[in-house]
Amino acid sequence: MLTLEGLVCGYGPFVAVHGLDLVVPPAGVVALVGANGAGKSSTIMAVAGHVQVLEGTIRLDGEDITRLPARERLRRGIALSPEGRKLFPDLTVAENLEIGGYIHPRARVARSRERVLSLFPRLGERLDQQAGSLSGGEQQMVAIGRALMAEPRLLMIDEVSLGLMPKVIDQIYAAIVGLRADGIAVLLVEQSTRRALAIADEVCVLESGRPVWRGTAAEARGNQTLIDAYLGLREEAPS
């Protein structure tokens, strides 16, 4: 579905990602892992159209979308749940979700909302509550739900589990597995490598903006050199 060929992207004179090749298959889950500053967020922001592509090509279903504006990429099925959630804190949960479906007719937005609420039932109890008053886990659910309101074929989630309690992380990862079963491809940015490798089909490890390893999650779990150098696979302490 999504193919990155020699992607080089950055911010002005600063190059954040150097020559990344990556494929996200239909209904597949691909995890981008690595330390802070490795280029993970820059990669998915470039795919979404928010970071300048300096070299290389981004293809969706074989079509070059490298120069398309972010709005058009959304219309073609690419949605982003950004790092830090970026909700509208003074708006309600219902209003935040509705904003995510702005590209669709109102009847379709209502249908999408029901789908989101079936995925995250807790949000159904918070629809009239201001988003800024929610817990961190609930805000992450709203952020993912808002992206799903666009009915994407490819969902990108930046820092899925950052700052969340293990129980909430379990709920969100269960939702991701459900999305894959529904035919949605997912590109994850994650520091919690244990969680990511438990559900991902493919893994790409970045270091200082460069890909240093690519393969299946099963191969990653069995590669002790990779684990020692980049992954760690330790259990993260709850925040």
Protein backbone atom coordinates (compact mmCIF):
# COMPACT_ATOMS: atom_id res chain seq x y z
CA MET A 1 0.00 0.00 0.00
CA LEU A 2 2.64 2.52 1.08
CA THR A 3 6.17 2.53 -0.33
CA LEU A 4 9.00 4.85 0.65
CA GLU A 5 11.93 4.87 -1.75
CA GLY A 6 15.14 6.59 -0.67
CA LEU A 7 13.25 9.02 1.56
CA VAL A 8 15.29 12.02 2.71
CA CYS A 9 13.34 14.56 4.71
CA GLY A 10 13.95 17.33 7.20
CA TYR A 11 13.35 20.82 8.46
CA GLY A 12 15.07 23.56 6.48
CA PRO A 13 18.79 22.76 6.40
CA PHE A 14 18.43 19.97 8.98
CA VAL A 15 18.10 16.47 7.52
CA ALA A 16 16.18 14.17 9.86
CA VAL A 17 15.93 11.01 7.75
CA HIS A 18 18.54 9.74 5.30
CA GLY A 19 17.63 7.33 2.50
CA LEU A 20 14.81 5.28 4.03
CA ASP A 21 13.21 2.45 2.08
CA LEU A 22 10.04 1.06 3.65
CA VAL A 23 6.95 -0.88 2.59
CA VAL A 24 3.65 -1.03 4.49
CA PRO A 25 1.46 -3.78 3.00
CA PRO A 26 -2.35 -3.66 2.97
CA ALA A 27 -3.76 -4.62 6.39
CA GLY A 28 -0.23 -4.94 7.75
CA VAL A 29 1.27 -3.48 10.91
CA VAL A 30 4.75 -1.99 10.57
CA ALA A 31 6.64 -0.64 13.58
CA LEU A 32 9.24 2.12 13.39
CA VAL A 33 11.41 1.82 16.48
CA GLY A 34 14.49 3.59 17.78
CA ALA A 35 15.66 6.08 20.35
CA ASN A 36 14.56 9.70 20.62
CA GLY A 37 15.82 11.68 17.66
CA ALA A 38 16.13 8.61 15.45
CA GLY A 39 13.84 10.07 12.77
CA LYS A 40 10.68 8.07 13.48
CA SER A 41 8.30 11.00 13.87
CA SER A 42 9.87 12.85 10.94
CA THR A 43 9.21 9.83 8.73
CA ILE A 44 5.49 9.62 9.38
CA MET A 45 5.11 13.40 9.33
CA ALA A 46 6.70 13.35 5.87
CA VAL A 47 4.24 10.65 4.77
CA ALA A 48 1.37 12.78 6.09
CA GLY A 49 2.67 15.82 4.19
CA HIS A 50 3.85 17.93 7.14
CA VAL A 51 7.62 17.59 6.75
CA GLN A 52 9.54 18.55 3.62
CA VAL A 53 10.74 15.71 1.41
CA LEU A 54 14.20 16.57 0.10
CA GLU A 55 14.83 13.41 -1.92
CA GLY A 56 13.10 10.14 -2.66
CA THR A 57 9.54 9.12 -3.37
CA ILE A 58 6.40 8.35 -1.39
CA ARG A 59 3.97 6.06 -3.22
CA LEU A 60 0.44 5.08 -2.25
CA ASP A 61 -0.96 2.15 -4.21
CA GLY A 62 1.89 2.69 -6.66
CA GLU A 63 1.05 6.36 -7.27
CA ASP A 64 3.60 9.05 -6.50
CA ILE A 65 2.13 11.31 -3.78
CA THR A 66 5.40 12.95 -2.75
CA ARG A 67 4.28 16.46 -3.67
CA LEU A 68 0.61 16.21 -2.79
CA PRO A 69 -0.64 18.49 0.00
CA ALA A 70 -1.55 16.97 3.34
CA ARG A 71 -5.30 17.44 2.79
CA GLU A 72 -5.20 15.44 -0.43
CA ARG A 73 -3.25 12.62 1.23
CA LEU A 74 -5.95 12.47 3.88
CA ARG A 75 -8.61 12.21 1.20
CA ARG A 76 -6.69 9.32 -0.35
CA GLY A 77 -6.72 7.39 2.89
CA ILE A 78 -3.71 8.39 5.01
CA ALA A 79 -4.52 9.57 8.55
CA LEU A 80 -2.22 10.54 11.43
CA SER A 81 -2.59 10.38 15.19
CA PRO A 82 0.26 12.73 16.17
CA GLU A 83 2.73 12.62 19.02
CA GLY A 84 1.34 14.48 22.02
CA ARG A 85 -2.24 13.87 20.77
CA LYS A 86 -2.74 17.53 19.72
CA LEU A 87 -6.38 17.60 20.76
CA PHE A 88 -8.50 20.74 21.03
CA PRO A 89 -8.64 20.79 24.86
CA ASP A 90 -11.55 23.21 25.19
CA LEU A 91 -13.75 21.24 22.80
CA THR A 92 -15.67 18.17 23.82
CA VAL A 93 -14.76 14.63 22.89
CA ALA A 94 -17.66 14.62 20.40
CA GLU A 95 -16.43 17.85 18.78
CA ASN A 96 -12.85 16.57 18.53
CA LEU A 97 -14.09 13.43 16.81
CA GLU A 98 -16.30 15.39 14.44
CA ILE A 99 -13.34 17.50 13.35
CA GLY A 100 -11.55 14.32 12.30
CA GLY A 101 -14.33 13.51 9.84
CA TYR A 102 -14.56 16.93 8.22
CA ILE A 103 -13.80 15.56 4.75
CA HIS A 104 -16.95 13.41 4.77
CA PRO A 105 -20.71 14.18 4.67
CA ARG A 106 -22.43 14.42 8.05
CA ALA A 107 -24.24 11.09 7.69
CA ARG A 108 -20.95 9.35 7.08
CA VAL A 109 -19.39 11.15 10.07
CA ALA A 110 -22.13 9.76 12.32
CA ARG A 111 -21.40 6.25 11.07
CA SER A 112 -17.67 6.71 11.63
CA ARG A 113 -18.27 7.92 15.17
CA GLU A 114 -20.23 4.81 16.02
CA ARG A 115 -17.33 2.73 14.78
CA VAL A 116 -14.89 4.67 16.95
CA LEU A 117 -17.10 4.30 20.01
CA SER A 118 -17.35 0.56 19.45
CA LEU A 119 -13.56 0.43 19.39
CA PHE A 120 -13.17 2.66 22.47
CA PRO A 121 -16.39 2.30 24.53
CA ARG A 122 -15.01 4.55 27.27
CA LEU A 123 -15.28 7.53 24.92
CA GLY A 124 -19.03 6.99 24.73
CA GLU A 125 -19.18 7.95 28.40
CA ARG A 126 -17.12 11.10 27.78
CA LEU A 127 -18.68 12.60 24.66
CA ASP A 128 -19.79 15.83 26.37
CA GLN A 129 -16.61 16.20 28.43
CA GLN A 130 -13.87 18.63 27.43
CA ALA A 131 -10.95 16.76 25.90
CA GLY A 132 -8.45 18.61 28.06
CA SER A 133 -10.00 17.16 31.23
CA LEU A 134 -9.52 13.53 30.18
CA SER A 135 -6.84 11.19 31.44
CA GLY A 136 -3.80 10.60 29.23
CA GLY A 137 -5.11 7.25 28.07
CA GLU A 138 -8.51 8.67 27.21
CA GLN A 139 -6.87 11.49 25.28
CA GLN A 140 -4.86 8.97 23.28
CA MET A 141 -8.08 7.13 22.46
CA VAL A 142 -9.62 10.41 21.25
CA ALA A 143 -6.56 11.17 19.13
CA ILE A 144 -6.66 7.75 17.47
CA GLY A 145 -10.44 7.98 17.14
CA ARG A 146 -10.20 11.40 15.52
CA ALA A 147 -7.81 9.98 12.91
CA LEU A 148 -10.15 7.04 12.31
CA MET A 149 -13.03 9.44 11.65
CA ALA A 150 -11.47 10.07 8.24
CA GLU A 151 -11.97 6.35 7.48
CA PRO A 152 -8.33 5.82 6.47
CA ARG A 153 -6.82 2.83 4.75
CA LEU A 154 -3.49 3.64 6.41
CA LEU A 155 -3.40 4.84 10.01
CA MET A 156 -0.16 6.24 11.40
CA ILE A 157 0.18 6.53 15.18
CA ASP A 158 3.08 8.45 16.68
CA GLU A 159 4.28 7.29 20.13
CA VAL A 160 1.42 4.93 20.83
CA SER A 161 2.13 4.20 24.49
CA LEU A 162 4.16 7.18 25.68
CA GLY A 163 3.18 8.11 29.24
CA LEU A 164 0.33 5.61 29.50
CA MET A 165 -0.43 2.96 32.10
CA PRO A 166 0.03 -0.67 31.02
CA LYS A 167 -3.70 -1.45 31.19
CA VAL A 168 -4.51 1.41 28.81
CA ILE A 169 -1.69 0.39 26.49
CA ASP A 170 -3.18 -3.11 26.34
CA GLN A 171 -6.55 -1.64 25.33
CA ILE A 172 -5.03 0.49 22.58
CA TYR A 173 -2.96 -2.35 21.18
CA ALA A 174 -6.03 -4.60 21.20
CA ALA A 175 -7.78 -1.90 19.16
CA ILE A 176 -4.89 -1.85 16.67
CA VAL A 177 -5.15 -5.61 16.21
CA GLY A 178 -8.85 -5.11 15.54
CA LEU A 179 -8.12 -2.45 12.94
CA ARG A 180 -5.76 -4.79 11.12
CA ALA A 181 -8.49 -7.44 11.11
CA ASP A 182 -10.77 -4.84 9.49
CA GLY A 183 -8.26 -4.33 6.68
CA ILE A 184 -6.61 -1.10 7.86
CA ALA A 185 -2.84 -0.87 7.55
CA VAL A 186 -1.03 0.63 10.54
CA LEU A 187 2.36 2.34 10.75
CA LEU A 188 3.44 2.66 14.39
CA VAL A 189 6.07 4.87 15.93
CA GLU A 190 6.94 3.34 19.26
CA GLN A 191 9.60 3.38 21.97
CA SER A 192 7.97 0.45 23.78
CA THR A 193 9.63 -2.18 21.63
CA ARG A 194 8.17 -5.12 23.51
CA ARG A 195 4.63 -3.97 22.78
CA ALA A 196 5.35 -3.14 19.15
CA LEU A 197 7.07 -6.43 18.38
CA ALA A 198 4.19 -8.37 19.92
CA ILE A 199 1.77 -7.29 17.18
CA ALA A 200 3.83 -5.94 14.27
CA ASP A 201 4.34 -7.86 11.05
CA GLU A 202 7.43 -5.91 10.03
CA VAL A 203 9.93 -3.78 11.95
CA CYS A 204 12.28 -1.02 10.86
CA VAL A 205 14.93 0.21 13.30
CA LEU A 206 16.20 3.76 12.86
CA GLU A 207 19.31 5.32 14.34
CA SER A 208 20.28 8.95 13.74
CA GLY A 209 17.88 9.13 10.81
CA ARG A 210 19.21 6.04 9.07
CA PRO A 211 17.67 2.57 8.79
CA VAL A 212 19.96 0.08 10.51
CA TRP A 213 17.74 -3.02 10.39
CA ARG A 214 14.58 -4.20 8.65
CA GLY A 215 12.79 -7.52 8.91
CA THR A 216 9.89 -9.36 10.47
CA ALA A 217 8.99 -8.94 14.11
CA ALA A 218 9.75 -12.63 14.66
CA GLU A 219 13.24 -12.13 13.25
CA ALA A 220 13.75 -9.11 15.49
CA ARG A 221 12.72 -11.02 18.60
CA GLY A 222 15.20 -13.75 17.73
CA ASN A 223 18.14 -11.46 16.92
CA GLN A 224 20.13 -11.09 20.13
CA THR A 225 22.62 -8.67 18.59
CA LEU A 226 19.78 -6.39 17.50
CA ILE A 227 18.12 -6.66 20.91
CA ASP A 228 21.31 -5.74 22.75
CA ALA A 229 22.21 -2.86 20.44
CA TYR A 230 18.86 -1.21 19.75
CA LEU A 231 15.78 -2.83 21.25
CA GLY A 232 16.41 -3.74 24.87
CA LEU A 233 13.00 -5.45 25.16
CA ARG A 234 12.71 -4.58 28.80
CA GLU A 235 9.36 -4.01 30.43
CA GLU A 236 8.61 -0.31 30.68
CA ALA A 237 7.61 1.03 34.08
CA PRO A 238 4.14 2.61 34.32
CA SER A 239 3.97 6.40 34.40
